[in-house]
């Protein structure tokens, strides 16, 4: 009988995939979830096995609002939260409700390659907006606004995937001003907001949500608990929440993930979620420093800015075709992600994305040594 895969991670034994942006299996908090699930089952509450409220379980939204109020330093109204089946589900739902095939959207260049896949699935035309050290370049965005009006601007404002850059506070405020003036949405993918290791990012776009109808903040438990939960949230203006909850998908199937929400709620209320995030920050900070050290030691030609959080290094290898490097690296049992994946125009040919989230320090070093050997050969 053919063995069927259990996860998206299907690596040959001994292979080190430095491009993979998944959390390490050993960092998935099985025991914390076990205790939270036991607490929930002890209540005997069957309501979360029923079709859920369209915007999500009310008890979970209140617990999440309390957590966010503390974590972000400002009050969060639970009525402005909408439960999703993860960030990808949220992006797909936003595209379904707010766009039609052929519509124009703006996205950072580079950008998260699987978000670009979702936009392609919806037949959207992506206009790339370049970045610099402070994130999305608003001068370039304003120039594009003179040519076309996007349905939304997609940004990953904190520790961006893949570049690791963070959008400055002044640019966030200016982008909100432009969204109001030109009536486009800001879809802020804020899944790395809580994973800062050196310098905290500015307040999330979620902080604008109560007052600005054009802002939709997307977040997820995939990076701060476990991706297999398929649980996340949107924080947005009341009118946006009403529109999200009023769609046919929710009318038919009810709110998303009511049972999972009940289990995770226990972790939120007990403080286990905050403890887990603190643990991840310490562990990922060590891995970030380890990858930085081995890159400087073995690949001195590599050009990059040290990220302050998130999962990724965005590395330029001058004169190297990264797509060819990825192909050749297979023989050295090491993987990368070539820069062109993250470009809506097939650019970034000499860039690679390297991740430090899945491997321990010694495996990161071995992976970079293998990558050096491959580069020496080609």
Protein backbone atom coordinates (compact mmCIF):
# COMPACT_ATOMS: atom_id res chain seq x y z
CA UNK A 1 0.00 0.00 0.00
CA UNK A 2 1.31 3.43 -0.96
CA UNK A 3 2.09 5.56 2.09
CA UNK A 4 0.24 8.84 1.95
CA UNK A 5 1.89 12.06 3.25
CA UNK A 6 0.87 13.40 6.66
CA UNK A 7 2.27 16.94 6.30
CA UNK A 8 3.65 19.24 3.59
CA UNK A 9 7.14 18.39 4.89
CA UNK A 10 8.40 15.43 2.89
CA UNK A 11 12.19 15.62 2.96
CA UNK A 12 14.55 12.77 2.12
CA UNK A 13 16.52 11.49 5.13
CA UNK A 14 19.52 13.74 5.80
CA UNK A 15 18.32 16.55 3.52
CA UNK A 16 18.49 20.09 4.98
CA UNK A 17 16.04 22.51 3.41
CA UNK A 18 17.17 26.01 4.42
CA UNK A 19 14.35 27.52 2.39
CA UNK A 20 11.53 25.99 4.40
CA UNK A 21 9.55 28.45 6.50
CA UNK A 22 7.87 25.92 8.79
CA UNK A 23 8.27 25.75 12.58
CA UNK A 24 10.42 22.98 13.99
CA UNK A 25 8.34 19.95 15.09
CA UNK A 26 10.04 20.20 18.50
CA UNK A 27 8.67 23.74 18.93
CA UNK A 28 5.04 22.70 18.43
CA UNK A 29 3.48 22.87 21.94
CA UNK A 30 1.80 19.47 22.18
CA UNK A 31 1.73 19.39 25.98
CA UNK A 32 0.23 22.87 26.29
CA UNK A 33 -2.48 21.97 23.80
CA UNK A 34 -3.08 18.66 25.56
CA UNK A 35 -3.71 20.39 28.89
CA UNK A 36 -5.94 23.00 27.30
CA UNK A 37 -7.96 20.31 25.49
CA UNK A 38 -8.41 18.34 28.74
CA UNK A 39 -9.69 21.48 30.45
CA UNK A 40 -12.17 22.05 27.65
CA UNK A 41 -13.43 18.44 27.56
CA UNK A 42 -13.96 18.56 31.32
CA UNK A 43 -16.57 21.30 30.82
CA UNK A 44 -18.80 19.01 28.75
CA UNK A 45 -19.79 22.01 26.61
CA UNK A 46 -21.11 20.66 23.30
CA UNK A 47 -21.88 24.05 21.77
CA UNK A 48 -18.57 24.28 19.93
CA UNK A 49 -19.46 21.06 18.08
CA UNK A 50 -22.41 22.91 16.54
CA UNK A 51 -22.31 25.25 13.51
CA UNK A 52 -20.50 28.29 14.87
CA UNK A 53 -21.44 31.97 15.00
CA UNK A 54 -20.52 33.56 11.68
CA UNK A 55 -17.79 35.87 13.00
CA UNK A 56 -16.42 33.20 15.32
CA UNK A 57 -17.04 31.89 18.82
CA UNK A 58 -17.89 34.82 21.10
CA UNK A 59 -16.00 33.50 24.14
CA UNK A 60 -12.89 32.97 22.04
CA UNK A 61 -13.11 36.44 20.50
CA UNK A 62 -13.36 38.01 23.97
CA UNK A 63 -10.34 36.04 25.21
CA UNK A 64 -8.37 36.93 22.08
CA UNK A 65 -9.31 40.61 22.45
CA UNK A 66 -7.99 40.61 26.02
CA UNK A 67 -4.73 39.03 24.90
CA UNK A 68 -4.29 41.50 22.03
CA UNK A 69 -5.11 44.46 24.27
CA UNK A 70 -2.26 43.47 26.57
CA UNK A 71 0.18 42.44 23.83
CA UNK A 72 -0.36 45.55 21.70
CA UNK A 73 -0.87 48.07 24.49
CA UNK A 74 -4.25 49.38 23.39
CA UNK A 75 -7.85 48.23 23.85
CA UNK A 76 -9.19 45.76 21.29
CA UNK A 77 -12.94 45.42 20.82
CA UNK A 78 -13.88 41.72 20.43
CA UNK A 79 -16.62 42.83 18.03
CA UNK A 80 -13.90 43.87 15.58
CA UNK A 81 -12.41 40.38 15.44
CA UNK A 82 -13.35 37.72 12.90
CA UNK A 83 -12.12 34.13 13.27
CA UNK A 84 -10.51 32.50 10.23
CA UNK A 85 -8.98 29.17 9.30
CA UNK A 86 -5.53 30.81 9.14
CA UNK A 87 -4.02 33.70 7.21
CA UNK A 88 -4.27 31.98 3.83
CA UNK A 89 -7.98 31.41 4.36
CA UNK A 90 -8.36 35.07 5.31
CA UNK A 91 -6.60 36.27 2.15
CA UNK A 92 -8.74 33.99 0.00
CA UNK A 93 -11.94 35.23 1.65
CA UNK A 94 -10.92 38.88 1.22
CA UNK A 95 -10.19 38.26 -2.46
CA UNK A 96 -13.56 36.53 -2.90
CA UNK A 97 -15.55 39.35 -1.31
CA UNK A 98 -13.65 42.43 -2.47
CA UNK A 99 -12.26 41.59 -5.92
CA UNK A 100 -13.18 40.19 -9.30
CA UNK A 101 -10.91 38.59 -11.95
CA UNK A 102 -8.90 41.26 -13.75
CA UNK A 103 -8.83 43.68 -10.82
CA UNK A 104 -5.55 45.39 -9.97
CA UNK A 105 -3.86 45.04 -6.60
CA UNK A 106 -0.52 46.37 -5.39
CA UNK A 107 1.99 44.13 -3.57
CA UNK A 108 5.47 44.58 -2.21
CA UNK A 109 8.36 43.45 -4.40
CA UNK A 110 9.46 40.94 -3.18
CA UNK A 111 6.39 39.42 -1.51
CA UNK A 112 5.20 36.15 0.04
CA UNK A 113 5.12 33.77 -2.90
CA UNK A 114 2.11 31.76 -1.76
CA UNK A 115 0.05 34.93 -1.33
CA UNK A 116 0.94 35.67 -4.95
CA UNK A 117 -0.44 32.21 -5.78
CA UNK A 118 -3.74 33.05 -4.07
CA UNK A 119 -3.97 36.32 -6.00
CA UNK A 120 -3.30 34.42 -9.24
CA UNK A 121 -6.06 31.94 -8.38
CA UNK A 122 -8.47 34.89 -8.26
CA UNK A 123 -7.24 36.28 -11.58
CA UNK A 124 -5.88 39.48 -10.02
CA UNK A 125 -3.29 41.66 -11.74
CA UNK A 126 -0.43 42.38 -9.36
CA UNK A 127 1.46 45.65 -9.66
CA UNK A 128 4.79 45.33 -7.80
CA UNK A 129 5.85 48.16 -5.49
CA UNK A 130 9.56 48.23 -4.57
CA UNK A 131 10.88 48.27 -1.02
CA UNK A 132 13.83 49.81 0.77
CA UNK A 133 15.23 49.52 4.30
CA UNK A 134 12.05 51.07 5.75
CA UNK A 135 9.66 48.80 3.88
CA UNK A 136 7.20 49.62 1.12
CA UNK A 137 8.28 52.70 -0.85
CA UNK A 138 5.36 55.09 -0.80
CA UNK A 139 6.83 57.38 -3.45
CA UNK A 140 6.68 54.44 -5.88
CA UNK A 141 3.18 53.57 -4.68
CA UNK A 142 1.96 57.13 -5.28
CA UNK A 143 3.44 57.06 -8.78
CA UNK A 144 1.48 53.88 -9.53
CA UNK A 145 -1.70 55.43 -8.13
CA UNK A 146 -1.48 57.98 -10.91
CA UNK A 147 -1.77 55.09 -13.39
CA UNK A 148 -4.20 52.68 -11.75
CA UNK A 149 -6.46 52.29 -8.74
CA UNK A 150 -5.90 49.07 -6.78
CA UNK A 151 -8.62 47.17 -4.96
CA UNK A 152 -6.12 46.69 -2.18
CA UNK A 153 -2.46 47.00 -1.22
CA UNK A 154 -1.02 43.81 0.23
CA UNK A 155 1.75 44.35 2.75
CA UNK A 156 3.59 42.26 5.34
CA UNK A 157 4.57 45.18 7.56
CA UNK A 158 6.57 43.44 10.32
CA UNK A 159 9.65 41.31 9.49
CA UNK A 160 8.43 40.80 5.97
CA UNK A 161 8.49 37.45 4.19
CA UNK A 162 10.98 37.18 2.53
CA UNK A 163 12.98 40.40 3.09
CA UNK A 164 12.77 40.64 6.89
CA UNK A 165 12.12 44.39 6.59
CA UNK A 166 9.69 46.34 8.75
CA UNK A 167 7.51 49.21 7.56
CA UNK A 168 8.25 52.36 9.54
CA UNK A 169 5.59 54.07 11.65
CA UNK A 170 5.59 57.21 9.50
CA UNK A 171 5.00 55.15 6.35
CA UNK A 172 2.19 53.23 8.02
CA UNK A 173 0.43 56.48 8.82
CA UNK A 174 1.01 57.82 5.31
CA UNK A 175 -0.28 54.59 3.75
CA UNK A 176 -3.48 54.86 5.80
CA UNK A 177 -3.87 58.45 4.65
CA UNK A 178 -3.45 57.38 1.00
CA UNK A 179 -5.95 54.53 1.45
CA UNK A 180 -8.54 56.96 2.75
CA UNK A 181 -7.87 59.50 0.02
CA UNK A 182 -7.89 57.03 -2.88
CA UNK A 183 -10.35 54.54 -1.35
CA UNK A 184 -8.36 51.33 -1.53
CA UNK A 185 -8.00 48.65 1.13
CA UNK A 186 -4.83 47.90 3.07
CA UNK A 187 -4.56 44.14 3.61
CA UNK A 188 -1.86 43.86 6.28
CA UNK A 189 -0.51 40.35 6.80
CA UNK A 190 0.75 40.68 10.38
CA UNK A 191 1.63 37.09 11.21
CA UNK A 192 5.16 37.94 12.42
CA UNK A 193 4.11 40.89 14.62
CA UNK A 194 4.81 39.06 17.89
CA UNK A 195 8.04 37.37 16.77
CA UNK A 196 10.53 40.15 17.46
CA UNK A 197 13.96 39.24 18.84
CA UNK A 198 15.96 42.45 18.83
CA UNK A 199 13.72 45.42 18.14
CA UNK A 200 9.94 45.59 18.50
CA UNK A 201 8.03 46.67 15.40
CA UNK A 202 5.67 49.66 15.42
CA UNK A 203 2.05 49.21 16.45
CA UNK A 204 0.30 46.86 14.00
CA UNK A 205 -2.10 48.09 11.35
CA UNK A 206 -4.75 46.45 13.53
CA UNK A 207 -4.47 49.53 15.75
CA UNK A 208 -6.11 51.58 12.96
CA UNK A 209 -8.97 49.13 12.44
CA UNK A 210 -11.58 50.63 14.78
CA UNK A 211 -11.51 54.00 13.02
CA UNK A 212 -10.38 53.25 9.46
CA UNK A 213 -12.67 51.20 7.25
CA UNK A 214 -9.90 50.70 4.69
CA UNK A 215 -7.65 48.64 7.02
CA UNK A 216 -7.90 44.84 7.27
CA UNK A 217 -5.35 43.21 9.56
CA UNK A 218 -4.75 39.48 9.08
CA UNK A 219 -3.07 37.33 11.72
CA UNK A 220 -2.63 33.67 12.58
CA UNK A 221 -1.72 31.14 15.26
CA UNK A 222 0.43 29.27 12.72
CA UNK A 223 3.62 31.08 13.72
CA UNK A 224 2.94 31.49 17.45
CA UNK A 225 1.36 28.09 18.22
CA UNK A 226 1.03 25.56 15.41
CA UNK A 227 0.07 25.75 11.70
CA UNK A 228 -1.94 22.52 11.92
CA UNK A 229 -4.53 24.29 14.05
CA UNK A 230 -5.64 26.23 10.94
CA UNK A 231 -6.77 29.08 13.15
CA UNK A 232 -6.34 32.81 12.74
CA UNK A 233 -8.18 36.10 12.87
CA UNK A 234 -8.96 39.32 11.07
CA UNK A 235 -9.16 42.61 12.92
CA UNK A 236 -11.07 45.27 11.01
CA UNK A 237 -13.69 48.00 11.09
CA UNK A 238 -17.22 46.97 12.10
CA UNK A 239 -18.46 47.39 8.51
CA UNK A 240 -15.77 45.02 7.26
CA UNK A 241 -16.58 42.43 9.93
CA UNK A 242 -20.25 42.63 8.96
CA UNK A 243 -19.42 42.02 5.31
CA UNK A 244 -17.07 39.12 6.07
CA UNK A 245 -19.63 37.45 8.33
CA UNK A 246 -22.46 37.98 5.85
CA UNK A 247 -21.00 35.96 2.99
CA UNK A 248 -22.51 32.75 1.68
CA UNK A 249 -19.59 30.65 2.92
CA UNK A 250 -20.33 31.53 6.56
CA UNK A 251 -24.10 31.46 6.06
CA UNK A 252 -23.80 27.85 4.91
CA UNK A 253 -20.99 26.46 7.05
CA UNK A 254 -21.17 28.67 10.10
CA UNK A 255 -18.19 30.40 11.67
CA UNK A 256 -14.75 28.94 11.19
CA UNK A 257 -13.04 26.54 13.59
CA UNK A 258 -15.40 26.71 16.59
CA UNK A 259 -14.00 23.52 18.17
CA UNK A 260 -10.37 24.52 17.66
CA UNK A 261 -11.17 27.96 19.03
CA UNK A 262 -12.48 26.38 22.22
CA UNK A 263 -9.27 24.43 22.77
CA UNK A 264 -7.01 27.40 22.02
CA UNK A 265 -9.11 29.70 24.21
CA UNK A 266 -7.87 27.82 27.25
CA UNK A 267 -4.29 28.60 26.29
CA UNK A 268 -5.09 32.25 25.74
CA UNK A 269 -6.88 32.65 29.06
CA UNK A 270 -4.34 30.70 31.11
CA UNK A 271 -1.36 32.69 29.81
CA UNK A 272 0.09 29.65 28.01
CA UNK A 273 -0.04 31.45 24.67
CA UNK A 274 2.02 34.36 26.01
CA UNK A 275 4.48 31.90 27.58
CA UNK A 276 4.82 30.03 24.31
CA UNK A 277 5.51 33.23 22.38
CA UNK A 278 8.20 34.18 24.92
CA UNK A 279 9.79 30.73 24.50
CA UNK A 280 9.73 31.02 20.70
CA UNK A 281 11.38 34.43 20.83
CA UNK A 282 14.30 33.07 22.83
CA UNK A 283 14.72 29.99 20.65
CA UNK A 284 14.39 31.78 17.32
CA UNK A 285 16.76 34.54 18.46
CA UNK A 286 19.46 31.89 19.04
CA UNK A 287 18.85 30.37 15.63
CA UNK A 288 18.90 33.78 13.93
CA UNK A 289 22.28 34.54 15.50
CA UNK A 290 23.58 31.11 14.52
CA UNK A 291 22.59 31.52 10.87
CA UNK A 292 24.11 35.00 10.78
CA UNK A 293 27.39 33.67 12.18
CA UNK A 294 27.72 30.78 9.73
CA UNK A 295 26.79 32.94 6.75
CA UNK A 296 29.52 35.43 7.67
CA UNK A 297 31.97 32.57 8.18
CA UNK A 298 31.29 30.44 5.11
CA UNK A 299 29.65 32.82 2.62
CA UNK A 300 31.35 36.19 3.07
CA UNK A 301 30.14 37.22 -0.40
CA UNK A 302 26.51 37.06 0.78
CA UNK A 303 24.78 40.43 1.07
CA UNK A 304 21.91 40.82 3.55
CA UNK A 305 20.47 42.96 6.31
CA UNK A 306 20.22 41.20 9.64
CA UNK A 307 16.50 40.70 10.40
CA UNK A 308 15.13 41.82 13.76
CA UNK A 309 12.37 39.20 13.86
CA UNK A 310 10.34 36.79 11.78
CA UNK A 311 11.73 33.65 10.14
CA UNK A 312 13.89 34.70 7.18
CA UNK A 313 17.14 36.02 5.78
CA UNK A 314 16.90 37.62 2.34
CA UNK A 315 20.32 37.04 0.82
CA UNK A 316 21.81 38.41 -2.38
CA UNK A 317 24.51 36.30 -4.01
CA UNK A 318 25.99 38.58 -6.70
CA UNK A 319 26.45 36.89 -10.05
CA UNK A 320 24.57 33.72 -9.02
CA UNK A 321 21.47 32.42 -10.79
CA UNK A 322 19.48 31.36 -7.73
CA UNK A 323 17.17 29.06 -9.70
CA UNK A 324 20.20 27.16 -11.02
CA UNK A 325 21.65 27.12 -7.51
CA UNK A 326 18.50 25.51 -6.16
CA UNK A 327 18.66 22.80 -8.81
CA UNK A 328 22.35 22.09 -8.25
CA UNK A 329 21.98 22.18 -4.47
CA UNK A 330 19.84 19.04 -4.58
CA UNK A 331 22.97 16.98 -5.19
CA UNK A 332 24.48 18.45 -2.00
CA UNK A 333 21.33 17.60 -0.02
CA UNK A 334 20.48 21.19 0.76
CA UNK A 335 17.52 23.33 -0.28
CA UNK A 336 16.86 27.06 -0.74
CA UNK A 337 14.08 29.20 -2.23
CA UNK A 338 15.12 31.25 -5.24
CA UNK A 339 14.28 34.94 -5.28
CA UNK A 340 12.18 34.79 -8.43
CA UNK A 341 9.48 32.91 -6.50
CA UNK A 342 8.85 36.06 -4.48
CA UNK A 343 8.63 38.38 -7.48
CA UNK A 344 5.45 39.07 -9.40
CA UNK A 345 7.66 39.94 -12.40
CA UNK A 346 10.17 37.06 -12.23
CA UNK A 347 12.86 39.37 -10.89
CA UNK A 348 15.21 38.98 -7.91
CA UNK A 349 17.21 36.38 -9.85
CA UNK A 350 20.30 36.57 -7.62
CA UNK A 351 18.44 36.44 -4.30
CA UNK A 352 17.68 33.46 -2.06
CA UNK A 353 15.45 33.11 0.98
CA UNK A 354 16.96 31.22 3.90
CA UNK A 355 14.96 30.31 7.00
CA UNK A 356 16.16 29.64 10.53
CA UNK A 357 12.87 28.41 12.04
CA UNK A 358 12.96 24.67 11.27
CA UNK A 359 16.53 23.67 12.18
CA UNK A 360 18.74 23.80 15.25
CA UNK A 361 22.07 25.64 15.21
CA UNK A 362 24.23 22.67 14.20
CA UNK A 363 21.92 21.79 11.30
CA UNK A 364 21.90 25.40 10.12
CA UNK A 365 25.71 25.32 10.03
CA UNK A 366 25.80 22.03 8.13
CA UNK A 367 23.26 23.38 5.63
CA UNK A 368 25.35 26.49 4.94
CA UNK A 369 28.51 24.37 4.58
CA UNK A 370 26.70 22.28 1.95
CA UNK A 371 25.51 25.43 0.21
CA UNK A 372 29.08 26.75 0.13
CA UNK A 373 30.29 23.52 -1.46
CA UNK A 374 27.60 23.82 -4.11
CA UNK A 375 28.50 27.45 -4.83
CA UNK A 376 32.18 26.54 -5.09
CA UNK A 377 31.29 23.94 -7.70
CA UNK A 378 29.06 26.13 -9.89
